[in-house]
PDB file of N, CA and C in Angstrom:
ATOM      1  N   MET A   1      -4.714   2.635   9.903  1.00  0.00           N
ATOM      2  CA  MET A   1      -3.523   3.615   9.774  1.00  0.00           C
ATOM      3  C   MET A   1      -3.825   4.596  10.909  1.00  0.00           C
ATOM      4  N   SER A   2      -2.538   4.933  11.390  1.00  0.00           N
ATOM      5  CA  SER A   2      -2.580   6.063  12.385  1.00  0.00           C
ATOM      6  C   SER A   2      -2.888   7.376  11.688  1.00  0.00           C
ATOM      7  N   ASN A   3      -3.319   8.295  12.618  1.00  0.00           N
ATOM      8  CA  ASN A   3      -3.690   9.530  12.028  1.00  0.00           C
ATOM      9  C   ASN A   3      -2.584  10.638  12.059  1.00  0.00           C
ATOM     10  N   SER A   4      -1.541  10.272  12.477  1.00  0.00           N
ATOM     11  CA  SER A   4      -0.328  11.107  12.602  1.00  0.00           C
ATOM     12  C   SER A   4       0.561  11.041  11.230  1.00  0.00           C
ATOM     13  N   VAL A   5       0.670  12.293  10.644  1.00  0.00           N
ATOM     14  CA  VAL A   5       1.503  12.394   9.383  1.00  0.00           C
ATOM     15  C   VAL A   5       2.372  13.601   9.553  1.00  0.00           C
ATOM     16  N   ILE A   6       3.267  13.745   8.732  1.00  0.00           N
ATOM     17  CA  ILE A   6       4.034  15.073   8.540  1.00  0.00           C
ATOM     18  C   ILE A   6       3.839  15.591   7.166  1.00  0.00           C
ATOM     19  N   VAL A   7       3.795  16.833   7.027  1.00  0.00           N
ATOM     20  CA  VAL A   7       3.651  17.458   5.716  1.00  0.00           C
ATOM     21  C   VAL A   7       4.666  18.636   5.609  1.00  0.00           C
ATOM     22  N   ASP A   8       5.434  18.516   4.663  1.00  0.00           N
ATOM     23  CA  ASP A   8       6.584  19.519   4.467  1.00  0.00           C
ATOM     24  C   ASP A   8       5.936  20.618   3.378  1.00  0.00           C
ATOM     25  N   ILE A   9       6.075  21.928   3.788  1.00  0.00           N
ATOM     26  CA  ILE A   9       5.433  22.902   2.862  1.00  0.00           C
ATOM     27  C   ILE A   9       6.478  23.855   2.534  1.00  0.00           C
ATOM     28  N   GLU A  10       6.693  24.075   1.245  1.00  0.00           N
ATOM     29  CA  GLU A  10       7.674  24.984   0.723  1.00  0.00           C
ATOM     30  C   GLU A  10       6.918  25.983  -0.224  1.00  0.00           C
ATOM     31  N   VAL A  11       6.864  27.267   0.136  1.00  0.00           N
ATOM     32  CA  VAL A  11       6.329  28.296  -0.819  1.00  0.00           C
ATOM     33  C   VAL A  11       7.403  29.031  -1.617  1.00  0.00           C
ATOM     34  N   LEU A  12       7.141  29.204  -2.841  1.00  0.00           N
ATOM     35  CA  LEU A  12       8.169  29.850  -3.784  1.00  0.00           C
ATOM     36  C   LEU A  12       7.436  31.036  -4.320  1.00  0.00           C
ATOM     37  N   PRO A  13       7.569  32.251  -3.910  1.00  0.00           N
ATOM     38  CA  PRO A  13       7.141  33.489  -4.406  1.00  0.00           C
ATOM     39  C   PRO A  13       7.643  33.650  -5.934  1.00  0.00           C
ATOM     40  N   GLY A  14       6.782  34.429  -6.710  1.00  0.00           N
ATOM     41  CA  GLY A  14       7.251  34.673  -8.125  1.00  0.00           C
ATOM     42  C   GLY A  14       8.512  35.559  -8.135  1.00  0.00           C
ATOM     43  N   THR A  15       9.239  35.628  -9.201  1.00  0.00           N
ATOM     44  CA  THR A  15      10.360  36.470  -9.323  1.00  0.00           C
ATOM     45  C   THR A  15       9.875  37.954  -9.091  1.00  0.00           C
ATOM     46  N   GLY A  16      10.736  38.723  -8.456  1.00  0.00           N
ATOM     47  CA  GLY A  16      10.414  40.243  -8.204  1.00  0.00           C
ATOM     48  C   GLY A  16       9.701  40.400  -6.993  1.00  0.00           C
ATOM     49  N   GLU A  17       9.194  39.324  -6.211  1.00  0.00           N
ATOM     50  CA  GLU A  17       8.615  39.496  -4.968  1.00  0.00           C
ATOM     51  C   GLU A  17       9.625  39.589  -3.880  1.00  0.00           C
ATOM     52  N   ASP A  18       9.197  40.134  -2.738  1.00  0.00           N
ATOM     53  CA  ASP A  18       9.995  40.141  -1.597  1.00  0.00           C
ATOM     54  C   ASP A  18       9.882  38.763  -0.878  1.00  0.00           C
ATOM     55  N   ALA A  19      10.727  37.829  -1.326  1.00  0.00           N
ATOM     56  CA  ALA A  19      10.538  36.443  -0.937  1.00  0.00           C
ATOM     57  C   ALA A  19      10.489  36.225   0.559  1.00  0.00           C
ATOM     58  N   TYR A  20      11.285  36.916   1.256  1.00  0.00           N
ATOM     59  CA  TYR A  20      11.384  36.704   2.818  1.00  0.00           C
ATOM     60  C   TYR A  20      10.039  36.936   3.401  1.00  0.00           C
ATOM     61  N   SER A  21       9.527  38.162   2.982  1.00  0.00           N
ATOM     62  CA  SER A  21       8.152  38.544   3.795  1.00  0.00           C
ATOM     63  C   SER A  21       7.089  37.616   3.315  1.00  0.00           C
ATOM     64  N   VAL A  22       7.023  37.107   2.051  1.00  0.00           N
ATOM     65  CA  VAL A  22       6.024  36.242   1.654  1.00  0.00           C
ATOM     66  C   VAL A  22       6.164  34.863   2.409  1.00  0.00           C
ATOM     67  N   VAL A  23       7.433  34.467   2.508  1.00  0.00           N
ATOM     68  CA  VAL A  23       7.557  33.190   3.216  1.00  0.00           C
ATOM     69  C   VAL A  23       7.206  33.293   4.670  1.00  0.00           C
ATOM     70  N   GLU A  24       7.542  34.390   5.258  1.00  0.00           N
ATOM     71  CA  GLU A  24       7.263  34.699   6.736  1.00  0.00           C
ATOM     72  C   GLU A  24       5.780  34.747   6.881  1.00  0.00           C
ATOM     73  N   ARG A  25       5.053  35.321   5.921  1.00  0.00           N
ATOM     74  CA  ARG A  25       3.596  35.240   6.018  1.00  0.00           C
ATOM     75  C   ARG A  25       2.964  33.863   6.057  1.00  0.00           C
ATOM     76  N   ALA A  26       3.542  32.918   5.194  1.00  0.00           N
ATOM     77  CA  ALA A  26       3.063  31.589   5.110  1.00  0.00           C
ATOM     78  C   ALA A  26       3.442  30.869   6.526  1.00  0.00           C
ATOM     79  N   ILE A  27       4.636  31.100   7.080  1.00  0.00           N
ATOM     80  CA  ILE A  27       5.089  30.607   8.376  1.00  0.00           C
ATOM     81  C   ILE A  27       4.077  31.007   9.520  1.00  0.00           C
ATOM     82  N   GLY A  28       3.710  32.271   9.409  1.00  0.00           N
ATOM     83  CA  GLY A  28       2.775  32.814  10.423  1.00  0.00           C
ATOM     84  C   GLY A  28       1.477  32.103  10.382  1.00  0.00           C
ATOM     85  N   VAL A  29       0.942  31.775   9.260  1.00  0.00           N
ATOM     86  CA  VAL A  29      -0.292  30.982   9.229  1.00  0.00           C
ATOM     87  C   VAL A  29      -0.097  29.622   9.834  1.00  0.00           C
ATOM     88  N   ILE A  30       1.049  28.904   9.500  1.00  0.00           N
ATOM     89  CA  ILE A  30       1.432  27.653  10.064  1.00  0.00           C
ATOM     90  C   ILE A  30       1.491  27.826  11.588  1.00  0.00           C
ATOM     91  N   GLU A  31       2.158  28.738  12.077  1.00  0.00           N
ATOM     92  CA  GLU A  31       2.281  28.904  13.557  1.00  0.00           C
ATOM     93  C   GLU A  31       0.959  29.003  14.173  1.00  0.00           C
ATOM     94  N   ALA A  32       0.048  29.896  13.623  1.00  0.00           N
ATOM     95  CA  ALA A  32      -1.242  30.167  14.111  1.00  0.00           C
ATOM     96  C   ALA A  32      -2.152  28.961  14.124  1.00  0.00           C
ATOM     97  N   SER A  33      -1.843  27.988  13.369  1.00  0.00           N
ATOM     98  CA  SER A  33      -2.619  26.699  13.228  1.00  0.00           C
ATOM     99  C   SER A  33      -2.819  25.935  14.597  1.00  0.00           C
ATOM    100  N   GLY A  34      -1.816  26.009  15.417  1.00  0.00           N
ATOM    101  CA  GLY A  34      -1.855  25.191  16.609  1.00  0.00           C
ATOM    102  C   GLY A  34      -1.123  23.801  16.271  1.00  0.00           C
ATOM    103  N   LEU A  35      -0.837  23.493  15.146  1.00  0.00           N
ATOM    104  CA  LEU A  35      -0.200  22.224  14.852  1.00  0.00           C
ATOM    105  C   LEU A  35       1.321  22.329  15.250  1.00  0.00           C
ATOM    106  N   ARG A  36       1.922  21.155  15.513  1.00  0.00           N
ATOM    107  CA  ARG A  36       3.365  21.140  15.835  1.00  0.00           C
ATOM    108  C   ARG A  36       4.009  21.363  14.485  1.00  0.00           C
ATOM    109  N   TYR A  37       5.054  22.317  14.382  1.00  0.00           N
ATOM    110  CA  TYR A  37       5.835  22.505  13.304  1.00  0.00           C
ATOM    111  C   TYR A  37       7.287  22.835  13.644  1.00  0.00           C
ATOM    112  N   GLU A  38       8.017  22.682  12.523  1.00  0.00           N
ATOM    113  CA  GLU A  38       9.595  22.986  12.596  1.00  0.00           C
ATOM    114  C   GLU A  38       9.803  23.769  11.282  1.00  0.00           C
ATOM    115  N   VAL A  39      10.435  24.953  11.352  1.00  0.00           N
ATOM    116  CA  VAL A  39      10.966  25.642  10.095  1.00  0.00           C
ATOM    117  C   VAL A  39      12.276  25.082   9.863  1.00  0.00           C
ATOM    118  N   GLY A  40      12.439  24.772   8.703  1.00  0.00           N
ATOM    119  CA  GLY A  40      13.827  24.224   8.098  1.00  0.00           C
ATOM    120  C   GLY A  40      14.254  25.299   7.066  1.00  0.00           C
ATOM    121  N   PRO A  41      15.440  25.054   6.587  1.00  0.00           N
ATOM    122  CA  PRO A  41      16.038  25.964   5.604  1.00  0.00           C
ATOM    123  C   PRO A  41      15.362  25.978   4.269  1.00  0.00           C
ATOM    124  N   MET A  42      14.700  24.866   3.894  1.00  0.00           N
ATOM    125  CA  MET A  42      14.066  24.854   2.636  1.00  0.00           C
ATOM    126  C   MET A  42      12.488  24.534   2.732  1.00  0.00           C
ATOM    127  N   GLY A  43      11.922  24.709   3.879  1.00  0.00           N
ATOM    128  CA  GLY A  43      10.597  24.473   4.048  1.00  0.00           C
ATOM    129  C   GLY A  43      10.166  24.237   5.498  1.00  0.00           C
ATOM    130  N   THR A  44       8.872  24.233   5.730  1.00  0.00           N
ATOM    131  CA  THR A  44       8.430  24.027   7.095  1.00  0.00           C
ATOM    132  C   THR A  44       7.669  22.800   7.180  1.00  0.00           C
ATOM    133  N   THR A  45       7.873  21.952   8.133  1.00  0.00           N
ATOM    134  CA  THR A  45       7.262  20.654   8.392  1.00  0.00           C
ATOM    135  C   THR A  45       6.239  20.775   9.464  1.00  0.00           C
ATOM    136  N   VAL A  46       5.029  20.277   9.249  1.00  0.00           N
ATOM    137  CA  VAL A  46       3.910  20.351  10.147  1.00  0.00           C
ATOM    138  C   VAL A  46       3.571  18.882  10.498  1.00  0.00           C
ATOM    139  N   GLU A  47       2.970  18.668  11.722  1.00  0.00           N
ATOM    140  CA  GLU A  47       2.649  17.389  12.149  1.00  0.00           C
ATOM    141  C   GLU A  47       1.197  17.293  12.798  1.00  0.00           C
ATOM    142  N   GLY A  48       0.435  16.349  12.279  1.00  0.00           N
ATOM    143  CA  GLY A  48      -0.822  16.219  12.789  1.00  0.00           C
ATOM    144  C   GLY A  48      -1.640  15.234  12.057  1.00  0.00           C
ATOM    145  N   ASP A  49      -2.938  15.384  11.915  1.00  0.00           N
ATOM    146  CA  ASP A  49      -3.861  14.501  10.968  1.00  0.00           C
ATOM    147  C   ASP A  49      -3.741  15.022   9.674  1.00  0.00           C
ATOM    148  N   LEU A  50      -3.911  14.222   8.653  1.00  0.00           N
ATOM    149  CA  LEU A  50      -3.716  14.521   7.292  1.00  0.00           C
ATOM    150  C   LEU A  50      -4.568  15.754   6.910  1.00  0.00           C
ATOM    151  N   ASP A  51      -5.842  15.695   7.174  1.00  0.00           N
ATOM    152  CA  ASP A  51      -6.772  16.736   6.779  1.00  0.00           C
ATOM    153  C   ASP A  51      -6.335  18.112   7.377  1.00  0.00           C
ATOM    154  N   SER A  52      -5.978  18.110   8.675  1.00  0.00           N
ATOM    155  CA  SER A  52      -5.499  19.418   9.294  1.00  0.00           C
ATOM    156  C   SER A  52      -4.313  19.881   8.552  1.00  0.00           C
ATOM    157  N   CYS A  53      -3.307  18.999   8.409  1.00  0.00           N
ATOM    158  CA  CYS A  53      -2.064  19.450   7.700  1.00  0.00           C
ATOM    159  C   CYS A  53      -2.332  20.012   6.372  1.00  0.00           C
ATOM    160  N   LEU A  54      -3.146  19.407   5.448  1.00  0.00           N
ATOM    161  CA  LEU A  54      -3.447  19.805   4.205  1.00  0.00           C
ATOM    162  C   LEU A  54      -4.246  21.211   4.173  1.00  0.00           C
ATOM    163  N   GLU A  55      -5.069  21.342   5.126  1.00  0.00           N
ATOM    164  CA  GLU A  55      -5.746  22.643   5.326  1.00  0.00           C
ATOM    165  C   GLU A  55      -4.701  23.762   5.563  1.00  0.00           C
ATOM    166  N   VAL A  56      -3.821  23.420   6.502  1.00  0.00           N
ATOM    167  CA  VAL A  56      -2.754  24.519   6.821  1.00  0.00           C
ATOM    168  C   VAL A  56      -1.920  24.780   5.623  1.00  0.00           C
ATOM    169  N   ALA A  57      -1.511  23.725   4.841  1.00  0.00           N
ATOM    170  CA  ALA A  57      -0.786  23.969   3.659  1.00  0.00           C
ATOM    171  C   ALA A  57      -1.532  24.813   2.574  1.00  0.00           C
ATOM    172  N   LYS A  58      -2.863  24.606   2.486  1.00  0.00           N
ATOM    173  CA  LYS A  58      -3.544  25.399   1.607  1.00  0.00           C
ATOM    174  C   LYS A  58      -3.705  26.865   2.067  1.00  0.00           C
ATOM    175  N   ALA A  59      -3.996  27.013   3.355  1.00  0.00           N
ATOM    176  CA  ALA A  59      -3.955  28.337   3.953  1.00  0.00           C
ATOM    177  C   ALA A  59      -2.668  29.135   3.838  1.00  0.00           C
ATOM    178  N   ALA A  60      -1.553  28.447   4.124  1.00  0.00           N
ATOM    179  CA  ALA A  60      -0.219  29.091   4.018  1.00  0.00           C
ATOM    180  C   ALA A  60      -0.033  29.424   2.605  1.00  0.00           C
ATOM    181  N   HIS A  61      -0.398  28.614   1.640  1.00  0.00           N
ATOM    182  CA  HIS A  61      -0.249  28.969   0.197  1.00  0.00           C
ATOM    183  C   HIS A  61      -1.044  30.210  -0.225  1.00  0.00           C
ATOM    184  N   ARG A  62      -2.357  30.318   0.209  1.00  0.00           N
ATOM    185  CA  ARG A  62      -3.224  31.317  -0.181  1.00  0.00           C
ATOM    186  C   ARG A  62      -2.880  32.627   0.561  1.00  0.00           C
ATOM    187  N   ALA A  63      -2.303  32.575   1.720  1.00  0.00           N
ATOM    188  CA  ALA A  63      -1.903  33.737   2.536  1.00  0.00           C
ATOM    189  C   ALA A  63      -0.722  34.547   1.776  1.00  0.00           C
ATOM    190  N   CYS A  64      -0.087  33.896   0.849  1.00  0.00           N
ATOM    191  CA  CYS A  64       0.972  34.604   0.219  1.00  0.00           C
ATOM    192  C   CYS A  64       0.466  35.531  -0.842  1.00  0.00           C
ATOM    193  N   PHE A  65      -0.855  35.457  -1.155  1.00  0.00           N
ATOM    194  CA  PHE A  65      -1.331  36.332  -2.209  1.00  0.00           C
ATOM    195  C   PHE A  65      -1.873  37.683  -1.640  1.00  0.00           C
ATOM    196  N   VAL A  66      -0.941  38.435  -1.059  1.00  0.00           N
ATOM    197  CA  VAL A  66      -1.324  39.723  -0.549  1.00  0.00           C
ATOM    198  C   VAL A  66      -0.306  40.763  -1.036  1.00  0.00           C
ATOM    199  N   ASP A  67      -0.543  42.089  -0.891  1.00  0.00           N
ATOM    200  CA  ASP A  67       0.475  43.124  -1.265  1.00  0.00           C
ATOM    201  C   ASP A  67       1.001  43.044  -2.641  1.00  0.00           C
ATOM    202  N   GLY A  68       0.069  42.550  -3.504  1.00  0.00           N
ATOM    203  CA  GLY A  68       0.458  42.529  -4.890  1.00  0.00           C
ATOM    204  C   GLY A  68       1.034  41.389  -5.490  1.00  0.00           C
ATOM    205  N   VAL A  69       1.304  40.367  -4.606  1.00  0.00           N
ATOM    206  CA  VAL A  69       2.046  39.126  -5.133  1.00  0.00           C
ATOM    207  C   VAL A  69       1.129  38.472  -6.210  1.00  0.00           C
ATOM    208  N   ASP A  70       1.896  38.215  -7.444  1.00  0.00           N
ATOM    209  CA  ASP A  70       1.114  37.715  -8.534  1.00  0.00           C
ATOM    210  C   ASP A  70       1.205  36.161  -8.716  1.00  0.00           C
ATOM    211  N   ARG A  71       2.310  35.580  -8.052  1.00  0.00           N
ATOM    212  CA  ARG A  71       2.433  34.110  -8.384  1.00  0.00           C
ATOM    213  C   ARG A  71       3.148  33.517  -7.158  1.00  0.00           C
ATOM    214  N   VAL A  72       2.647  32.306  -6.709  1.00  0.00           N
ATOM    215  CA  VAL A  72       3.228  31.546  -5.762  1.00  0.00           C
ATOM    216  C   VAL A  72       3.188  30.003  -6.128  1.00  0.00           C
ATOM    217  N   VAL A  73       4.227  29.368  -6.040  1.00  0.00           N
ATOM    218  CA  VAL A  73       4.248  27.926  -6.315  1.00  0.00           C
ATOM    219  C   VAL A  73       4.460  27.311  -4.881  1.00  0.00           C
ATOM    220  N   SER A  74       3.757  26.286  -4.432  1.00  0.00           N
ATOM    221  CA  SER A  74       3.908  25.559  -3.277  1.00  0.00           C
ATOM    222  C   SER A  74       4.400  24.141  -3.606  1.00  0.00           C
ATOM    223  N   ILE A  75       5.192  23.696  -2.830  1.00  0.00           N
ATOM    224  CA  ILE A  75       5.638  22.285  -2.955  1.00  0.00           C
ATOM    225  C   ILE A  75       5.287  21.624  -1.650  1.00  0.00           C
ATOM    226  N   ILE A  76       4.566  20.498  -1.716  1.00  0.00           N
ATOM    227  CA  ILE A  76       3.999  19.771  -0.644  1.00  0.00           C
ATOM    228  C   ILE A  76       4.468  18.410  -0.678  1.00  0.00           C
ATOM    229  N   LYS A  77       5.091  17.916   0.400  1.00  0.00           N
ATOM    230  CA  LYS A  77       5.445  16.519   0.585  1.00  0.00           C
ATOM    231  C   LYS A  77       4.668  15.929   1.826  1.00  0.00           C
ATOM    232  N   ILE A  78       4.151  14.691   1.693  1.00  0.00           N
ATOM    233  CA  ILE A  78       3.480  14.032   2.756  1.00  0.00           C
ATOM    234  C   ILE A  78       4.253  12.798   3.162  1.00  0.00           C
ATOM    235  N   GLY A  79       4.475  12.600   4.513  1.00  0.00           N
ATOM    236  CA  GLY A  79       5.089  11.456   5.050  1.00  0.00           C
ATOM    237  C   GLY A  79       4.172  10.823   5.991  1.00  0.00           C
ATOM    238  N   GLU A  80       3.868   9.382   5.683  1.00  0.00           N
ATOM    239  CA  GLU A  80       2.890   8.759   6.438  1.00  0.00           C
ATOM    240  C   GLU A  80       3.326   7.301   6.532  1.00  0.00           C
ATOM    241  N   SER A  81       3.147   6.654   7.756  1.00  0.00           N
ATOM    242  CA  SER A  81       3.290   5.178   7.806  1.00  0.00           C
ATOM    243  C   SER A  81       2.225   4.643   8.584  1.00  0.00           C
ATOM    244  N   ARG A  82       2.063   3.390   8.621  1.00  0.00           N
ATOM    245  CA  ARG A  82       0.956   2.582   9.312  1.00  0.00           C
ATOM    246  C   ARG A  82       1.032   2.930  10.817  1.00  0.00           C
ATOM    247  N   GLY A  83       2.144   2.936  11.337  1.00  0.00           N
ATOM    248  CA  GLY A  83       2.269   3.242  12.795  1.00  0.00           C
ATOM    249  C   GLY A  83       2.218   4.698  13.243  1.00  0.00           C
ATOM    250  N   GLY A  84       2.064   5.607  12.178  1.00  0.00           N
ATOM    251  CA  GLY A  84       2.064   6.937  12.425  1.00  0.00           C
ATOM    252  C   GLY A  84       3.474   7.555  12.117  1.00  0.00           C
ATOM    253  N   THR A  85       3.495   8.727  11.708  1.00  0.00           N
ATOM    254  CA  THR A  85       4.779   9.426  11.325  1.00  0.00           C
ATOM    255  C   THR A  85       4.929  10.752  12.223  1.00  0.00           C
ATOM    256  N   THR A  86       6.000  10.983  12.856  1.00  0.00           N
ATOM    257  CA  THR A  86       6.228  12.120  13.652  1.00  0.00           C
ATOM    258  C   THR A  86       7.570  12.778  13.193  1.00  0.00           C
ATOM    259  N   ILE A  87       7.690  14.068  13.373  1.00  0.00           N
ATOM    260  CA  ILE A  87       8.929  14.812  13.197  1.00  0.00           C
ATOM    261  C   ILE A  87      10.044  14.123  14.022  1.00  0.00           C
ATOM    262  N   ASP A  88       9.827  13.893  15.397  1.00  0.00           N
ATOM    263  CA  ASP A  88      10.810  13.388  16.259  1.00  0.00           C
ATOM    264  C   ASP A  88      11.218  11.892  15.748  1.00  0.00           C
ATOM    265  N   GLY A  89      10.260  11.143  15.392  1.00  0.00           N
ATOM    266  CA  GLY A  89      10.531   9.854  15.000  1.00  0.00           C
ATOM    267  C   GLY A  89      11.435   9.775  13.713  1.00  0.00           C
ATOM    268  N   LEU A  90      11.376  10.719  12.863  1.00  0.00           N
ATOM    269  CA  LEU A  90      12.330  10.737  11.723  1.00  0.00           C
ATOM    270  C   LEU A  90      13.527  11.359  11.960  1.00  0.00           C
ATOM    271  N   VAL A  91      13.765  12.283  12.850  1.00  0.00           N
ATOM    272  CA  VAL A  91      14.995  12.988  13.105  1.00  0.00           C
ATOM    273  C   VAL A  91      15.647  12.886  14.331  1.00  0.00           C
ATOM    274  N   SER A  92      15.032  12.234  15.321  1.00  0.00           N
ATOM    275  CA  SER A  92      15.654  12.218  16.658  1.00  0.00           C
ATOM    276  C   SER A  92      17.040  11.591  16.714  1.00  0.00           C
ATOM    277  N   LYS A  93      17.317  10.574  15.904  1.00  0.00           N
ATOM    278  CA  LYS A  93      18.656   9.954  15.993  1.00  0.00           C
ATOM    279  C   LYS A  93      19.775  10.926  15.515  1.00  0.00           C
ATOM    280  N   PHE A  94      19.397  11.860  14.727  1.00  0.00           N
ATOM    281  CA  PHE A  94      20.374  12.826  14.277  1.00  0.00           C
ATOM    282  C   PHE A  94      20.571  14.028  15.269  1.00  0.00           C
ATOM    283  N   ARG A  95      19.647  14.139  16.166  1.00  0.00           N
ATOM    284  CA  ARG A  95      19.797  15.169  17.138  1.00  0.00           C
ATOM    285  C   ARG A  95      20.342  14.769  18.470  1.00  0.00           C
ATOM    286  N   GLU A  96      20.610  13.461  18.658  1.00  0.00           N
ATOM    287  CA  GLU A  96      21.221  13.015  19.790  1.00  0.00           C
ATOM    288  C   GLU A  96      22.700  13.440  19.919  1.00  0.00           C
ATOM    289  N   GLU A  97      23.054  13.811  21.068  1.00  0.00           N
ATOM    290  CA  GLU A  97      24.515  14.275  21.269  1.00  0.00           C
ATOM    291  C   GLU A  97      25.285  13.157  21.403  1.00  0.00           C
ATOM    292  N   GLY A  98      26.449  13.045  20.714  1.00  0.00           N
ATOM    293  CA  GLY A  98      27.382  11.954  20.640  1.00  0.00           C
ATOM    294  C   GLY A  98      28.267  11.820  21.757  1.00  0.00           C
TER     295      GLY A  98
END
């Protein structure tokens, strides 16, 4: 199996939290990881080897627990194929100009 996977990370702060600042904190951790990533409207997708992507997902989740945040739920999706999975490989045909 190839070592290239994509992992989609969505953090959901508890009610009453400043959701945008919590989500931005998680995205900051992802950005600092050095992995390729793309922010989407419902989550952030990272690309790399599985272990690195899962470590970043864990770090992004844990980074949300500052400034009195009591609860965060994170949803993680993993995409992998035998030939490797990349962000471009999955969405490039939708980005081509017609």
